[in-house]
mmCIF file of all heavy atoms, coordinates in Angstrom:
data_MODEL
# 
_entry.id   MODEL 
# 
loop_
_atom_site.group_PDB 
_atom_site.id 
_atom_site.type_symbol 
_atom_site.label_atom_id 
_atom_site.label_alt_id 
_atom_site.label_comp_id 
_atom_site.label_asym_id 
_atom_site.label_entity_id 
_atom_site.label_seq_id 
_atom_site.pdbx_PDB_ins_code 
_atom_site.Cartn_x 
_atom_site.Cartn_y 
_atom_site.Cartn_z 
_atom_site.occupancy 
_atom_site.B_iso_or_equiv 
_atom_site.pdbx_formal_charge 
_atom_site.auth_seq_id 
_atom_site.auth_comp_id 
_atom_site.auth_asym_id 
_atom_site.auth_atom_id 
_atom_site.pdbx_PDB_model_num 
ATOM 1   N N   . TRP A 1 1  ? -99.389  -13.605 -3.464  1.00 0.00 ? 1  TRP A N   1 
ATOM 2   C CA  . TRP A 1 1  ? -99.289  -12.600 -2.404  1.00 0.00 ? 1  TRP A CA  1 
ATOM 3   C C   . TRP A 1 1  ? -99.954  -13.084 -1.129  1.00 0.00 ? 1  TRP A C   1 
ATOM 4   O O   . TRP A 1 1  ? -100.874 -13.904 -1.164  1.00 0.00 ? 1  TRP A O   1 
ATOM 5   C CB  . TRP A 1 1  ? -99.969  -11.292 -2.849  1.00 0.00 ? 1  TRP A CB  1 
ATOM 6   C CG  . TRP A 1 1  ? -99.345  -10.724 -4.067  1.00 0.00 ? 1  TRP A CG  1 
ATOM 7   C CD1 . TRP A 1 1  ? -98.286  -9.853  -4.135  1.00 0.00 ? 1  TRP A CD1 1 
ATOM 8   C CD2 . TRP A 1 1  ? -99.689  -11.006 -5.425  1.00 0.00 ? 1  TRP A CD2 1 
ATOM 9   N NE1 . TRP A 1 1  ? -97.969  -9.583  -5.438  1.00 0.00 ? 1  TRP A NE1 1 
ATOM 10  C CE2 . TRP A 1 1  ? -98.816  -10.281 -6.253  1.00 0.00 ? 1  TRP A CE2 1 
ATOM 11  C CE3 . TRP A 1 1  ? -100.669 -11.812 -6.011  1.00 0.00 ? 1  TRP A CE3 1 
ATOM 12  C CZ2 . TRP A 1 1  ? -98.878  -10.325 -7.633  1.00 0.00 ? 1  TRP A CZ2 1 
ATOM 13  C CZ3 . TRP A 1 1  ? -100.733 -11.870 -7.395  1.00 0.00 ? 1  TRP A CZ3 1 
ATOM 14  C CH2 . TRP A 1 1  ? -99.837  -11.129 -8.200  1.00 0.00 ? 1  TRP A CH2 1 
ATOM 15  N N   . ARG A 1 2  ? -99.477  -12.562 -0.012  1.00 0.00 ? 2  ARG A N   1 
ATOM 16  C CA  . ARG A 1 2  ? -100.143 -12.796 1.266   1.00 0.00 ? 2  ARG A CA  1 
ATOM 17  C C   . ARG A 1 2  ? -99.965  -11.550 2.122   1.00 0.00 ? 2  ARG A C   1 
ATOM 18  O O   . ARG A 1 2  ? -99.046  -10.747 1.896   1.00 0.00 ? 2  ARG A O   1 
ATOM 19  C CB  . ARG A 1 2  ? -99.554  -14.016 1.982   1.00 0.00 ? 2  ARG A CB  1 
ATOM 20  C CG  . ARG A 1 2  ? -98.110  -13.834 2.428   1.00 0.00 ? 2  ARG A CG  1 
ATOM 21  C CD  . ARG A 1 2  ? -97.520  -15.105 3.016   1.00 0.00 ? 2  ARG A CD  1 
ATOM 22  N NE  . ARG A 1 2  ? -96.132  -14.879 3.453   1.00 0.00 ? 2  ARG A NE  1 
ATOM 23  C CZ  . ARG A 1 2  ? -95.280  -15.856 3.750   1.00 0.00 ? 2  ARG A CZ  1 
ATOM 24  N NH1 . ARG A 1 2  ? -95.653  -17.122 3.636   1.00 0.00 ? 2  ARG A NH1 1 
ATOM 25  N NH2 . ARG A 1 2  ? -94.043  -15.563 4.143   1.00 0.00 ? 2  ARG A NH2 1 
ATOM 26  N N   . LEU A 1 3  ? -100.848 -11.394 3.088   1.00 0.00 ? 3  LEU A N   1 
ATOM 27  C CA  . LEU A 1 3  ? -100.730 -10.321 4.072   1.00 0.00 ? 3  LEU A CA  1 
ATOM 28  C C   . LEU A 1 3  ? -100.403 -10.986 5.397   1.00 0.00 ? 3  LEU A C   1 
ATOM 29  O O   . LEU A 1 3  ? -101.125 -11.881 5.843   1.00 0.00 ? 3  LEU A O   1 
ATOM 30  C CB  . LEU A 1 3  ? -102.036 -9.520  4.151   1.00 0.00 ? 3  LEU A CB  1 
ATOM 31  C CG  . LEU A 1 3  ? -102.420 -8.810  2.850   1.00 0.00 ? 3  LEU A CG  1 
ATOM 32  C CD1 . LEU A 1 3  ? -103.770 -8.113  2.985   1.00 0.00 ? 3  LEU A CD1 1 
ATOM 33  C CD2 . LEU A 1 3  ? -101.347 -7.809  2.431   1.00 0.00 ? 3  LEU A CD2 1 
ATOM 34  N N   . SER A 1 4  ? -99.292  -10.596 6.005   1.00 0.00 ? 4  SER A N   1 
ATOM 35  C CA  . SER A 1 4  ? -98.857  -11.283 7.215   1.00 0.00 ? 4  SER A CA  1 
ATOM 36  C C   . SER A 1 4  ? -98.844  -10.348 8.416   1.00 0.00 ? 4  SER A C   1 
ATOM 37  O O   . SER A 1 4  ? -98.597  -9.142  8.280   1.00 0.00 ? 4  SER A O   1 
ATOM 38  C CB  . SER A 1 4  ? -97.464  -11.892 7.018   1.00 0.00 ? 4  SER A CB  1 
ATOM 39  O OG  . SER A 1 4  ? -96.483  -10.889 7.011   1.00 0.00 ? 4  SER A OG  1 
ATOM 40  N N   . GLY A 1 5  ? -99.124  -10.912 9.573   1.00 0.00 ? 5  GLY A N   1 
ATOM 41  C CA  . GLY A 1 5  ? -99.026  -10.172 10.829  1.00 0.00 ? 5  GLY A CA  1 
ATOM 42  C C   . GLY A 1 5  ? -100.245 -9.359  11.189  1.00 0.00 ? 5  GLY A C   1 
ATOM 43  O O   . GLY A 1 5  ? -100.264 -8.695  12.222  1.00 0.00 ? 5  GLY A O   1 
ATOM 44  N N   . GLY A 1 6  ? -101.287 -9.382  10.340  1.00 0.00 ? 6  GLY A N   1 
ATOM 45  C CA  . GLY A 1 6  ? -102.491 -8.619  10.642  1.00 0.00 ? 6  GLY A CA  1 
ATOM 46  C C   . GLY A 1 6  ? -103.517 -9.453  11.385  1.00 0.00 ? 6  GLY A C   1 
ATOM 47  O O   . GLY A 1 6  ? -103.253 -10.592 11.768  1.00 0.00 ? 6  GLY A O   1 
ATOM 48  N N   . ARG A 1 7  ? -104.705 -8.904  11.549  1.00 0.00 ? 7  ARG A N   1 
ATOM 49  C CA  . ARG A 1 7  ? -105.743 -9.609  12.325  1.00 0.00 ? 7  ARG A CA  1 
ATOM 50  C C   . ARG A 1 7  ? -106.272 -10.824 11.571  1.00 0.00 ? 7  ARG A C   1 
ATOM 51  O O   . ARG A 1 7  ? -106.810 -11.754 12.158  1.00 0.00 ? 7  ARG A O   1 
ATOM 52  C CB  . ARG A 1 7  ? -106.898 -8.652  12.652  1.00 0.00 ? 7  ARG A CB  1 
ATOM 53  C CG  . ARG A 1 7  ? -107.506 -8.056  11.402  1.00 0.00 ? 7  ARG A CG  1 
ATOM 54  C CD  . ARG A 1 7  ? -108.857 -7.408  11.548  1.00 0.00 ? 7  ARG A CD  1 
ATOM 55  N NE  . ARG A 1 7  ? -109.446 -7.262  10.219  1.00 0.00 ? 7  ARG A NE  1 
ATOM 56  C CZ  . ARG A 1 7  ? -109.412 -6.145  9.508   1.00 0.00 ? 7  ARG A CZ  1 
ATOM 57  N NH1 . ARG A 1 7  ? -108.854 -5.066  9.996   1.00 0.00 ? 7  ARG A NH1 1 
ATOM 58  N NH2 . ARG A 1 7  ? -109.939 -6.108  8.307   1.00 0.00 ? 7  ARG A NH2 1 
ATOM 59  N N   . ASP A 1 8  ? -106.169 -10.808 10.245  1.00 0.00 ? 8  ASP A N   1 
ATOM 60  C CA  . ASP A 1 8  ? -106.633 -11.928 9.424   1.00 0.00 ? 8  ASP A CA  1 
ATOM 61  C C   . ASP A 1 8  ? -105.947 -11.827 8.059   1.00 0.00 ? 8  ASP A C   1 
ATOM 62  O O   . ASP A 1 8  ? -105.030 -11.023 7.887   1.00 0.00 ? 8  ASP A O   1 
ATOM 63  C CB  . ASP A 1 8  ? -108.169 -11.904 9.287   1.00 0.00 ? 8  ASP A CB  1 
ATOM 64  C CG  . ASP A 1 8  ? -108.698 -10.622 8.626   1.00 0.00 ? 8  ASP A CG  1 
ATOM 65  O OD1 . ASP A 1 8  ? -107.915 -9.927  7.957   1.00 0.00 ? 8  ASP A OD1 1 
ATOM 66  O OD2 . ASP A 1 8  ? -109.896 -10.332 8.785   1.00 0.00 ? 8  ASP A OD2 1 
ATOM 67  N N   . GLY A 1 9  ? -106.413 -12.643 7.114   1.00 0.00 ? 9  GLY A N   1 
ATOM 68  C CA  . GLY A 1 9  ? -105.769 -12.674 5.797   1.00 0.00 ? 9  GLY A CA  1 
ATOM 69  C C   . GLY A 1 9  ? -106.009 -11.457 4.939   1.00 0.00 ? 9  GLY A C   1 
ATOM 70  O O   . GLY A 1 9  ? -105.517 -11.384 3.816   1.00 0.00 ? 9  GLY A O   1 
ATOM 71  N N   . CYS A 1 10 ? -106.774 -10.465 5.455   1.00 0.00 ? 10 CYS A N   1 
ATOM 72  C CA  . CYS A 1 10 ? -107.071 -9.253  4.682   1.00 0.00 ? 10 CYS A CA  1 
ATOM 73  C C   . CYS A 1 10 ? -106.382 -8.019  5.263   1.00 0.00 ? 10 CYS A C   1 
ATOM 74  O O   . CYS A 1 10 ? -106.751 -6.888  4.944   1.00 0.00 ? 10 CYS A O   1 
ATOM 75  C CB  . CYS A 1 10 ? -108.582 -9.034  4.618   1.00 0.00 ? 10 CYS A CB  1 
ATOM 76  S SG  . CYS A 1 10 ? -109.416 -10.199 3.505   1.00 0.00 ? 10 CYS A SG  1 
ATOM 77  N N   . ALA A 1 11 ? -105.400 -8.219  6.125   1.00 0.00 ? 11 ALA A N   1 
ATOM 78  C CA  . ALA A 1 11 ? -104.674 -7.080  6.709   1.00 0.00 ? 11 ALA A CA  1 
ATOM 79  C C   . ALA A 1 11 ? -103.261 -7.516  7.052   1.00 0.00 ? 11 ALA A C   1 
ATOM 80  O O   . ALA A 1 11 ? -103.026 -8.661  7.427   1.00 0.00 ? 11 ALA A O   1 
ATOM 81  C CB  . ALA A 1 11 ? -105.385 -6.577  7.967   1.00 0.00 ? 11 ALA A CB  1 
ATOM 82  N N   . GLY A 1 12 ? -102.307 -6.586  6.912   1.00 0.00 ? 12 GLY A N   1 
ATOM 83  C CA  . GLY A 1 12 ? -100.939 -6.895  7.318   1.00 0.00 ? 12 GLY A CA  1 
ATOM 84  C C   . GLY A 1 12 ? -99.897  -6.392  6.341   1.00 0.00 ? 12 GLY A C   1 
ATOM 85  O O   . GLY A 1 12 ? -100.188 -5.599  5.448   1.00 0.00 ? 12 GLY A O   1 
ATOM 86  N N   . ARG A 1 13 ? -98.687  -6.877  6.535   1.00 0.00 ? 13 ARG A N   1 
ATOM 87  C CA  . ARG A 1 13 ? -97.585  -6.519  5.650   1.00 0.00 ? 13 ARG A CA  1 
ATOM 88  C C   . ARG A 1 13 ? -97.705  -7.310  4.355   1.00 0.00 ? 13 ARG A C   1 
ATOM 89  O O   . ARG A 1 13 ? -97.982  -8.509  4.356   1.00 0.00 ? 13 ARG A O   1 
ATOM 90  C CB  . ARG A 1 13 ? -96.253  -6.841  6.329   1.00 0.00 ? 13 ARG A CB  1 
ATOM 91  C CG  . ARG A 1 13 ? -95.046  -6.393  5.505   1.00 0.00 ? 13 ARG A CG  1 
ATOM 92  C CD  . ARG A 1 13 ? -93.754  -6.585  6.254   1.00 0.00 ? 13 ARG A CD  1 
ATOM 93  N NE  . ARG A 1 13 ? -93.322  -7.971  6.250   1.00 0.00 ? 13 ARG A NE  1 
ATOM 94  C CZ  . ARG A 1 13 ? -92.100  -8.371  6.616   1.00 0.00 ? 13 ARG A CZ  1 
ATOM 95  N NH1 . ARG A 1 13 ? -91.218  -7.497  7.042   1.00 0.00 ? 13 ARG A NH1 1 
ATOM 96  N NH2 . ARG A 1 13 ? -91.783  -9.647  6.591   1.00 0.00 ? 13 ARG A NH2 1 
ATOM 97  N N   . VAL A 1 14 ? -97.497  -6.627  3.228   1.00 0.00 ? 14 VAL A N   1 
ATOM 98  C CA  . VAL A 1 14 ? -97.600  -7.285  1.923   1.00 0.00 ? 14 VAL A CA  1 
ATOM 99  C C   . VAL A 1 14 ? -96.332  -8.106  1.661   1.00 0.00 ? 14 VAL A C   1 
ATOM 100 O O   . VAL A 1 14 ? -95.219  -7.580  1.749   1.00 0.00 ? 14 VAL A O   1 
ATOM 101 C CB  . VAL A 1 14 ? -97.770  -6.242  0.794   1.00 0.00 ? 14 VAL A CB  1 
ATOM 102 C CG1 . VAL A 1 14 ? -97.918  -6.936  -0.557  1.00 0.00 ? 14 VAL A CG1 1 
ATOM 103 C CG2 . VAL A 1 14 ? -98.961  -5.332  1.073   1.00 0.00 ? 14 VAL A CG2 1 
ATOM 104 N N   . GLU A 1 15 ? -96.520  -9.386  1.341   1.00 0.00 ? 15 GLU A N   1 
ATOM 105 C CA  . GLU A 1 15 ? -95.387  -10.240 0.982   1.00 0.00 ? 15 GLU A CA  1 
ATOM 106 C C   . GLU A 1 15 ? -95.710  -10.932 -0.332  1.00 0.00 ? 15 GLU A C   1 
ATOM 107 O O   . GLU A 1 15 ? -96.852  -11.326 -0.572  1.00 0.00 ? 15 GLU A O   1 
ATOM 108 C CB  . GLU A 1 15 ? -95.115  -11.261 2.097   1.00 0.00 ? 15 GLU A CB  1 
ATOM 109 C CG  . GLU A 1 15 ? -94.689  -10.573 3.394   1.00 0.00 ? 15 GLU A CG  1 
ATOM 110 C CD  . GLU A 1 15 ? -94.473  -11.524 4.554   1.00 0.00 ? 15 GLU A CD  1 
ATOM 111 O OE1 . GLU A 1 15 ? -94.623  -12.749 4.369   1.00 0.00 ? 15 GLU A OE1 1 
ATOM 112 O OE2 . GLU A 1 15 ? -94.153  -11.038 5.654   1.00 0.00 ? 15 GLU A OE2 1 
ATOM 113 N N   . VAL A 1 16 ? -94.707  -11.024 -1.197  1.00 0.00 ? 16 VAL A N   1 
ATOM 114 C CA  . VAL A 1 16 ? -94.894  -11.618 -2.520  1.00 0.00 ? 16 VAL A CA  1 
ATOM 115 C C   . VAL A 1 16 ? -93.939  -12.797 -2.692  1.00 0.00 ? 16 VAL A C   1 
ATOM 116 O O   . VAL A 1 16 ? -92.755  -12.701 -2.367  1.00 0.00 ? 16 VAL A O   1 
ATOM 117 C CB  . VAL A 1 16 ? -94.700  -10.563 -3.652  1.00 0.00 ? 16 VAL A CB  1 
ATOM 118 C CG1 . VAL A 1 16 ? -93.370  -9.826  -3.526  1.00 0.00 ? 16 VAL A CG1 1 
ATOM 119 C CG2 . VAL A 1 16 ? -94.812  -11.213 -5.029  1.00 0.00 ? 16 VAL A CG2 1 
ATOM 120 N N   . PHE A 1 17 ? -94.488  -13.921 -3.175  1.00 0.00 ? 17 PHE A N   1 
ATOM 121 C CA  . PHE A 1 17 ? -93.671  -15.093 -3.500  1.00 0.00 ? 17 PHE A CA  1 
ATOM 122 C C   . PHE A 1 17 ? -93.287  -14.995 -4.968  1.00 0.00 ? 17 PHE A C   1 
ATOM 123 O O   . PHE A 1 17 ? -94.151  -14.943 -5.850  1.00 0.00 ? 17 PHE A O   1 
ATOM 124 C CB  . PHE A 1 17 ? -94.458  -16.380 -3.248  1.00 0.00 ? 17 PHE A CB  1 
ATOM 125 C CG  . PHE A 1 17 ? -93.650  -17.629 -3.489  1.00 0.00 ? 17 PHE A CG  1 
ATOM 126 C CD1 . PHE A 1 17 ? -92.742  -18.076 -2.549  1.00 0.00 ? 17 PHE A CD1 1 
ATOM 127 C CD2 . PHE A 1 17 ? -93.800  -18.361 -4.662  1.00 0.00 ? 17 PHE A CD2 1 
ATOM 128 C CE1 . PHE A 1 17 ? -91.990  -19.222 -2.772  1.00 0.00 ? 17 PHE A CE1 1 
ATOM 129 C CE2 . PHE A 1 17 ? -93.058  -19.510 -4.895  1.00 0.00 ? 17 PHE A CE2 1 
ATOM 130 C CZ  . PHE A 1 17 ? -92.150  -19.944 -3.944  1.00 0.00 ? 17 PHE A CZ  1 
ATOM 131 N N   . PHE A 1 18 ? -91.987  -14.935 -5.238  1.00 0.00 ? 18 PHE A N   1 
ATOM 132 C CA  . PHE A 1 18 ? -91.494  -14.712 -6.595  1.00 0.00 ? 18 PHE A CA  1 
ATOM 133 C C   . PHE A 1 18 ? -90.086  -15.278 -6.694  1.00 0.00 ? 18 PHE A C   1 
ATOM 134 O O   . PHE A 1 18 ? -89.270  -15.083 -5.797  1.00 0.00 ? 18 PHE A O   1 
ATOM 135 C CB  . PHE A 1 18 ? -91.502  -13.209 -6.883  1.00 0.00 ? 18 PHE A CB  1 
ATOM 136 C CG  . PHE A 1 18 ? -91.002  -12.819 -8.245  1.00 0.00 ? 18 PHE A CG  1 
ATOM 137 C CD1 . PHE A 1 18 ? -91.669  -13.222 -9.388  1.00 0.00 ? 18 PHE A CD1 1 
ATOM 138 C CD2 . PHE A 1 18 ? -89.870  -12.035 -8.389  1.00 0.00 ? 18 PHE A CD2 1 
ATOM 139 C CE1 . PHE A 1 18 ? -91.214  -12.854 -10.648 1.00 0.00 ? 18 PHE A CE1 1 
ATOM 140 C CE2 . PHE A 1 18 ? -89.409  -11.658 -9.643  1.00 0.00 ? 18 PHE A CE2 1 
ATOM 141 C CZ  . PHE A 1 18 ? -90.083  -12.077 -10.772 1.00 0.00 ? 18 PHE A CZ  1 
ATOM 142 N N   . ARG A 1 19 ? -89.841  -16.023 -7.749  1.00 0.00 ? 19 ARG A N   1 
ATOM 143 C CA  . ARG A 1 19 ? -88.527  -16.656 -7.971  1.00 0.00 ? 19 ARG A CA  1 
ATOM 144 C C   . ARG A 1 19 ? -88.088  -17.479 -6.769  1.00 0.00 ? 19 ARG A C   1 
ATOM 145 O O   . ARG A 1 19 ? -86.915  -17.473 -6.378  1.00 0.00 ? 19 ARG A O   1 
ATOM 146 C CB  . ARG A 1 19 ? -87.476  -15.614 -8.368  1.00 0.00 ? 19 ARG A CB  1 
ATOM 147 C CG  . ARG A 1 19 ? -87.837  -14.970 -9.702  1.00 0.00 ? 19 ARG A CG  1 
ATOM 148 C CD  . ARG A 1 19 ? -86.804  -14.026 -10.272 1.00 0.00 ? 19 ARG A CD  1 
ATOM 149 N NE  . ARG A 1 19 ? -87.363  -13.418 -11.482 1.00 0.00 ? 19 ARG A NE  1 
ATOM 150 C CZ  . ARG A 1 19 ? -86.883  -12.330 -12.066 1.00 0.00 ? 19 ARG A CZ  1 
ATOM 151 N NH1 . ARG A 1 19 ? -85.832  -11.716 -11.572 1.00 0.00 ? 19 ARG A NH1 1 
ATOM 152 N NH2 . ARG A 1 19 ? -87.454  -11.850 -13.150 1.00 0.00 ? 19 ARG A NH2 1 
ATOM 153 N N   . GLY A 1 20 ? -89.041  -18.184 -6.187  1.00 0.00 ? 20 GLY A N   1 
ATOM 154 C CA  . GLY A 1 20 ? -88.716  -19.172 -5.165  1.00 0.00 ? 20 GLY A CA  1 
ATOM 155 C C   . GLY A 1 20 ? -88.560  -18.647 -3.753  1.00 0.00 ? 20 GLY A C   1 
ATOM 156 O O   . GLY A 1 20 ? -88.173  -19.401 -2.866  1.00 0.00 ? 20 GLY A O   1 
ATOM 157 N N   . THR A 1 21 ? -88.857  -17.354 -3.527  1.00 0.00 ? 21 THR A N   1 
ATOM 158 C CA  . THR A 1 21 ? -88.669  -16.820 -2.177  1.00 0.00 ? 21 THR A CA  1 
ATOM 159 C C   . THR A 1 21 ? -89.728  -15.763 -1.865  1.00 0.00 ? 21 THR A C   1 
ATOM 160 O O   . THR A 1 21 ? -90.313  -15.175 -2.778  1.00 0.00 ? 21 THR A O   1 
ATOM 161 C CB  . THR A 1 21 ? -87.251  -16.221 -2.025  1.00 0.00 ? 21 THR A CB  1 
ATOM 162 O OG1 . THR A 1 21 ? -87.062  -15.833 -0.673  1.00 0.00 ? 21 THR A OG1 1 
ATOM 163 C CG2 . THR A 1 21 ? -87.035  -15.025 -2.915  1.00 0.00 ? 21 THR A CG2 1 
ATOM 164 N N   . TRP A 1 22 ? -89.988  -15.534 -0.582  1.00 0.00 ? 22 TRP A N   1 
ATOM 165 C CA  . TRP A 1 22 ? -90.914  -14.473 -0.169  1.00 0.00 ? 22 TRP A CA  1 
ATOM 166 C C   . TRP A 1 22 ? -90.149  -13.168 -0.017  1.00 0.00 ? 22 TRP A C   1 
ATOM 167 O O   . TRP A 1 22 ? -89.056  -13.150 0.547   1.00 0.00 ? 22 TRP A O   1 
ATOM 168 C CB  . TRP A 1 22 ? -91.603  -14.835 1.146   1.00 0.00 ? 22 TRP A CB  1 
ATOM 169 C CG  . TRP A 1 22 ? -92.633  -15.912 0.968   1.00 0.00 ? 22 TRP A CG  1 
ATOM 170 C CD1 . TRP A 1 22 ? -92.463  -17.252 1.169   1.00 0.00 ? 22 TRP A CD1 1 
ATOM 171 C CD2 . TRP A 1 22 ? -93.986  -15.737 0.526   1.00 0.00 ? 22 TRP A CD2 1 
ATOM 172 N NE1 . TRP A 1 22 ? -93.631  -17.920 0.876   1.00 0.00 ? 22 TRP A NE1 1 
ATOM 173 C CE2 . TRP A 1 22 ? -94.581  -17.021 0.483   1.00 0.00 ? 22 TRP A CE2 1 
ATOM 174 C CE3 . TRP A 1 22 ? -94.755  -14.623 0.162   1.00 0.00 ? 22 TRP A CE3 1 
ATOM 175 C CZ2 . TRP A 1 22 ? -95.906  -17.221 0.091   1.00 0.00 ? 22 TRP A CZ2 1 
ATOM 176 C CZ3 . TRP A 1 22 ? -96.078  -14.825 -0.222  1.00 0.00 ? 22 TRP A CZ3 1 
ATOM 177 C CH2 . TRP A 1 22 ? -96.642  -16.109 -0.255  1.00 0.00 ? 22 TRP A CH2 1 
ATOM 178 N N   . SER A 1 23 ? -90.711  -12.089 -0.524  1.00 0.00 ? 23 SER A N   1 
ATOM 179 C CA  . SER A 1 23 ? -90.102  -10.760 -0.466  1.00 0.00 ? 23 SER A CA  1 
ATOM 180 C C   . SER A 1 23 ? -91.118  -9.743  0.037   1.00 0.00 ? 23 SER A C   1 
ATOM 181 O O   . SER A 1 23 ? -92.330  -9.998  0.002   1.00 0.00 ? 23 SER A O   1 
ATOM 182 C CB  . SER A 1 23 ? -89.623  -10.321 -1.855  1.00 0.00 ? 23 SER A CB  1 
ATOM 183 O OG  . SER A 1 23 ? -88.648  -11.203 -2.353  1.00 0.00 ? 23 SER A OG  1 
ATOM 184 N N   . THR A 1 24 ? -90.606  -8.596  0.477   1.00 0.00 ? 24 THR A N   1 
ATOM 185 C CA  . THR A 1 24 ? -91.497  -7.498  0.850   1.00 0.00 ? 24 THR A CA  1 
ATOM 186 C C   . THR A 1 24 ? -91.667  -6.566  -0.359  1.00 0.00 ? 24 THR A C   1 
ATOM 187 O O   . THR A 1 24 ? -90.991  -6.699  -1.379  1.00 0.00 ? 24 THR A O   1 
ATOM 188 C CB  . THR A 1 24 ? -90.933  -6.707  2.040   1.00 0.00 ? 24 THR A CB  1 
ATOM 189 O OG1 . THR A 1 24 ? -89.532  -6.498  1.840   1.00 0.00 ? 24 THR A OG1 1 
ATOM 190 C CG2 . THR A 1 24 ? -91.144  -7.464  3.346   1.00 0.00 ? 24 THR A CG2 1 
ATOM 191 N N   . VAL A 1 25 ? -92.585  -5.609  -0.217  1.00 0.00 ? 25 VAL A N   1 
ATOM 192 C CA  . VAL A 1 25 ? -92.894  -4.660  -1.294  1.00 0.00 ? 25 VAL A CA  1 
ATOM 193 C C   . VAL A 1 25 ? -92.537  -3.258  -0.807  1.00 0.00 ? 25 VAL A C   1 
ATOM 194 O O   . VAL A 1 25 ? -92.886  -2.872  0.312   1.00 0.00 ? 25 VAL A O   1 
ATOM 195 C CB  . VAL A 1 25 ? -94.393  -4.743  -1.665  1.00 0.00 ? 25 VAL A CB  1 
ATOM 196 C CG1 . VAL A 1 25 ? -94.779  -3.646  -2.648  1.00 0.00 ? 25 VAL A CG1 1 
ATOM 197 C CG2 . VAL A 1 25 ? -94.709  -6.123  -2.247  1.00 0.00 ? 25 VAL A CG2 1 
ATOM 198 N N   . CYS A 1 26 ? -91.823  -2.494  -1.640  1.00 0.00 ? 26 CYS A N   1 
ATOM 199 C CA  . CYS A 1 26 ? -91.409  -1.139  -1.256  1.00 0.00 ? 26 CYS A CA  1 
ATOM 200 C C   . CYS A 1 26 ? -92.610  -0.197  -1.266  1.00 0.00 ? 26 CYS A C   1 
ATOM 201 O O   . CYS A 1 26 ? -93.416  -0.231  -2.201  1.00 0.00 ? 26 CYS A O   1 
ATOM 202 C CB  . CYS A 1 26 ? -90.374  -0.617  -2.234  1.00 0.00 ? 26 CYS A CB  1 
ATOM 203 S SG  . CYS A 1 26 ? -88.972  -1.725  -2.390  1.00 0.00 ? 26 CYS A SG  1 
# 
């Protein structure tokens, strides 16, 4: 998992790497 677009690595949109690609979380 990573958090993207926030002020640092502890804030932002949740993205998950799974089956070879990055996805968002509902």
